[in-house]
């Protein structure tokens, strides 16, 4: 099985989720450091749709100015555009497999799609 993780190596939850992926037999992991290579607004929309959450639920509030900018109450398109332009606004880690996508907070959520 192939798995892609949108990863921030400075984040403990992201590192722990990556470890679960790497320790699971048969999983071929592709790591995307999303702060260096951000996903497009279209890709984010697809990931959130597949995860069954809204873009607002995928918005990182801690350590960002998202709240001050009104992003939690903004339209999906506005949130996705802001995330694509400033990937620090993306909550992490996001993982995608053939079985779907998950925002892996807590890290154990990743097993739902393995």
C-alpha atoms as a PDB file:
ATOM      1  CA  UNK A   1       0.000   0.000   0.000  1.00  0.00           C
ATOM      2  CA  UNK A   2       1.167   3.499  -0.812  1.00  0.00           C
ATOM      3  CA  UNK A   3       0.803   6.293   1.742  1.00  0.00           C
ATOM      4  CA  UNK A   4       1.584   9.975   1.361  1.00  0.00           C
ATOM      5  CA  UNK A   5       2.125  12.099   4.442  1.00  0.00           C
ATOM      6  CA  UNK A   6       2.119  15.896   4.361  1.00  0.00           C
ATOM      7  CA  UNK A   7       4.719  16.248   7.072  1.00  0.00           C
ATOM      8  CA  UNK A   8       6.404  18.839   9.258  1.00  0.00           C
ATOM      9  CA  UNK A   9       9.566  17.317  10.777  1.00  0.00           C
ATOM     10  CA  UNK A  10       9.428  19.850  13.650  1.00  0.00           C
ATOM     11  CA  UNK A  11       6.019  18.531  14.782  1.00  0.00           C
ATOM     12  CA  UNK A  12       5.971  15.639  17.258  1.00  0.00           C
ATOM     13  CA  UNK A  13       2.554  14.379  16.119  1.00  0.00           C
ATOM     14  CA  UNK A  14       3.744  14.422  12.518  1.00  0.00           C
ATOM     15  CA  UNK A  15       6.961  12.548  13.422  1.00  0.00           C
ATOM     16  CA  UNK A  16       4.984   9.968  15.429  1.00  0.00           C
ATOM     17  CA  UNK A  17       2.507   9.447  12.589  1.00  0.00           C
ATOM     18  CA  UNK A  18       5.380   8.984  10.145  1.00  0.00           C
ATOM     19  CA  UNK A  19       6.898   6.402  12.497  1.00  0.00           C
ATOM     20  CA  UNK A  20       3.621   4.432  12.494  1.00  0.00           C
ATOM     21  CA  UNK A  21       3.608   4.466   8.693  1.00  0.00           C
ATOM     22  CA  UNK A  22       7.254   3.400   8.468  1.00  0.00           C
ATOM     23  CA  UNK A  23       6.763   0.594  11.002  1.00  0.00           C
ATOM     24  CA  UNK A  24       3.679  -0.843   9.267  1.00  0.00           C
ATOM     25  CA  UNK A  25       4.624  -3.787   7.022  1.00  0.00           C
ATOM     26  CA  UNK A  26       3.732  -3.337   3.362  1.00  0.00           C
ATOM     27  CA  UNK A  27       3.374   0.452   3.492  1.00  0.00           C
ATOM     28  CA  UNK A  28       5.424   2.432   0.976  1.00  0.00           C
ATOM     29  CA  UNK A  29       5.670   5.955   2.385  1.00  0.00           C
ATOM     30  CA  UNK A  30       6.067   9.141   0.390  1.00  0.00           C
ATOM     31  CA  UNK A  31       6.945  12.143   2.552  1.00  0.00           C
ATOM     32  CA  UNK A  32       6.031  15.656   1.444  1.00  0.00           C
ATOM     33  CA  UNK A  33       7.373  18.455   3.614  1.00  0.00           C
ATOM     34  CA  UNK A  34       4.383  20.674   2.990  1.00  0.00           C
ATOM     35  CA  UNK A  35       6.070  23.859   4.235  1.00  0.00           C
ATOM     36  CA  UNK A  36       8.618  23.457   1.415  1.00  0.00           C
ATOM     37  CA  UNK A  37       6.254  21.935  -1.152  1.00  0.00           C
ATOM     38  CA  UNK A  38       2.719  23.047  -0.331  1.00  0.00           C
ATOM     39  CA  UNK A  39      -0.263  21.252  -1.833  1.00  0.00           C
ATOM     40  CA  UNK A  40      -2.509  23.213  -4.165  1.00  0.00           C
ATOM     41  CA  UNK A  41      -5.891  24.453  -3.043  1.00  0.00           C
ATOM     42  CA  UNK A  42      -7.412  21.762  -5.282  1.00  0.00           C
ATOM     43  CA  UNK A  43      -5.356  18.993  -3.646  1.00  0.00           C
ATOM     44  CA  UNK A  44      -6.265  20.255  -0.173  1.00  0.00           C
ATOM     45  CA  UNK A  45      -9.952  20.322  -1.129  1.00  0.00           C
ATOM     46  CA  UNK A  46      -9.695  16.697  -2.280  1.00  0.00           C
ATOM     47  CA  UNK A  47      -7.844  15.614   0.880  1.00  0.00           C
ATOM     48  CA  UNK A  48     -10.395  17.241   3.183  1.00  0.00           C
ATOM     49  CA  UNK A  49     -13.286  15.832   1.158  1.00  0.00           C
ATOM     50  CA  UNK A  50     -11.742  12.333   1.362  1.00  0.00           C
ATOM     51  CA  UNK A  51     -11.149  12.802   5.101  1.00  0.00           C
ATOM     52  CA  UNK A  52     -14.763  13.878   5.615  1.00  0.00           C
ATOM     53  CA  UNK A  53     -13.839  17.245   7.114  1.00  0.00           C
ATOM     54  CA  UNK A  54     -14.175  20.866   6.055  1.00  0.00           C
ATOM     55  CA  UNK A  55     -11.224  23.085   5.165  1.00  0.00           C
ATOM     56  CA  UNK A  56     -11.978  25.034   8.352  1.00  0.00           C
ATOM     57  CA  UNK A  57     -11.484  21.829  10.376  1.00  0.00           C
ATOM     58  CA  UNK A  58      -8.102  21.409   8.684  1.00  0.00           C
ATOM     59  CA  UNK A  59      -7.017  24.933   9.588  1.00  0.00           C
ATOM     60  CA  UNK A  60      -4.128  25.318  12.010  1.00  0.00           C
ATOM     61  CA  UNK A  61      -4.994  27.892  14.646  1.00  0.00           C
ATOM     62  CA  UNK A  62      -2.114  27.389  17.095  1.00  0.00           C
ATOM     63  CA  UNK A  63       0.871  29.543  16.220  1.00  0.00           C
ATOM     64  CA  UNK A  64      -0.860  31.262  13.292  1.00  0.00           C
ATOM     65  CA  UNK A  65      -2.889  34.397  12.687  1.00  0.00           C
ATOM     66  CA  UNK A  66      -5.822  32.425  11.255  1.00  0.00           C
ATOM     67  CA  UNK A  67      -8.231  33.506  13.991  1.00  0.00           C
ATOM     68  CA  UNK A  68      -7.332  37.194  13.662  1.00  0.00           C
ATOM     69  CA  UNK A  69      -7.863  36.960   9.908  1.00  0.00           C
ATOM     70  CA  UNK A  70     -11.308  35.445  10.374  1.00  0.00           C
ATOM     71  CA  UNK A  71     -10.369  32.269   8.517  1.00  0.00           C
ATOM     72  CA  UNK A  72     -12.362  29.895  10.773  1.00  0.00           C
ATOM     73  CA  UNK A  73     -15.504  31.683   9.538  1.00  0.00           C
ATOM     74  CA  UNK A  74     -14.366  32.244   5.946  1.00  0.00           C
ATOM     75  CA  UNK A  75     -15.621  30.356   2.895  1.00  0.00           C
ATOM     76  CA  UNK A  76     -14.025  27.081   1.881  1.00  0.00           C
ATOM     77  CA  UNK A  77     -12.432  28.764  -1.151  1.00  0.00           C
ATOM     78  CA  UNK A  78     -10.923  31.531   0.991  1.00  0.00           C
ATOM     79  CA  UNK A  79      -9.514  29.063   3.520  1.00  0.00           C
ATOM     80  CA  UNK A  80      -8.056  26.809   0.811  1.00  0.00           C
ATOM     81  CA  UNK A  81      -6.478  29.772  -1.001  1.00  0.00           C
ATOM     82  CA  UNK A  82      -4.931  31.020   2.251  1.00  0.00           C
ATOM     83  CA  UNK A  83      -3.552  27.547   3.036  1.00  0.00           C
ATOM     84  CA  UNK A  84      -2.062  27.124  -0.425  1.00  0.00           C
ATOM     85  CA  UNK A  85      -0.432  30.567  -0.188  1.00  0.00           C
ATOM     86  CA  UNK A  86       0.721  30.137   3.431  1.00  0.00           C
ATOM     87  CA  UNK A  87       1.119  26.427   4.221  1.00  0.00           C
ATOM     88  CA  UNK A  88       1.781  27.148   7.911  1.00  0.00           C
ATOM     89  CA  UNK A  89      -2.038  27.411   8.079  1.00  0.00           C
ATOM     90  CA  UNK A  90      -2.410  23.692   7.262  1.00  0.00           C
ATOM     91  CA  UNK A  91      -2.960  21.492  10.320  1.00  0.00           C
ATOM     92  CA  UNK A  92      -0.714  18.464  10.247  1.00  0.00           C
ATOM     93  CA  UNK A  93      -0.167  15.713   9.513  1.00  0.00           C
ATOM     94  CA  UNK A  94      -2.410  14.820   6.616  1.00  0.00           C
ATOM     95  CA  UNK A  95      -2.092  11.251   5.332  1.00  0.00           C
ATOM     96  CA  UNK A  96      -3.571   9.787   2.161  1.00  0.00           C
ATOM     97  CA  UNK A  97      -3.788   6.128   1.119  1.00  0.00           C
ATOM     98  CA  UNK A  98      -5.983   4.169  -1.289  1.00  0.00           C
ATOM     99  CA  UNK A  99      -8.450   3.843   1.610  1.00  0.00           C
ATOM    100  CA  UNK A 100      -8.892   7.587   2.073  1.00  0.00           C
ATOM    101  CA  UNK A 101      -7.342  10.523   3.872  1.00  0.00           C
ATOM    102  CA  UNK A 102      -7.089  11.560   7.507  1.00  0.00           C
ATOM    103  CA  UNK A 103      -5.939  14.506   9.540  1.00  0.00           C
ATOM    104  CA  UNK A 104      -3.955  12.418  12.012  1.00  0.00           C
ATOM    105  CA  UNK A 105      -4.577  14.244  15.249  1.00  0.00           C
ATOM    106  CA  UNK A 106      -4.255  12.112  17.273  1.00  0.00           C
ATOM    107  CA  UNK A 107      -1.627  10.065  15.460  1.00  0.00           C
ATOM    108  CA  UNK A 108      -3.612   6.841  15.887  1.00  0.00           C
ATOM    109  CA  UNK A 109      -6.167   8.061  13.338  1.00  0.00           C
ATOM    110  CA  UNK A 110      -3.753   6.911  10.631  1.00  0.00           C
ATOM    111  CA  UNK A 111      -4.636   3.249  11.274  1.00  0.00           C
ATOM    112  CA  UNK A 112      -8.153   3.960   9.982  1.00  0.00           C
ATOM    113  CA  UNK A 113      -6.751   4.174   6.447  1.00  0.00           C
ATOM    114  CA  UNK A 114      -4.123   1.431   6.595  1.00  0.00           C
END
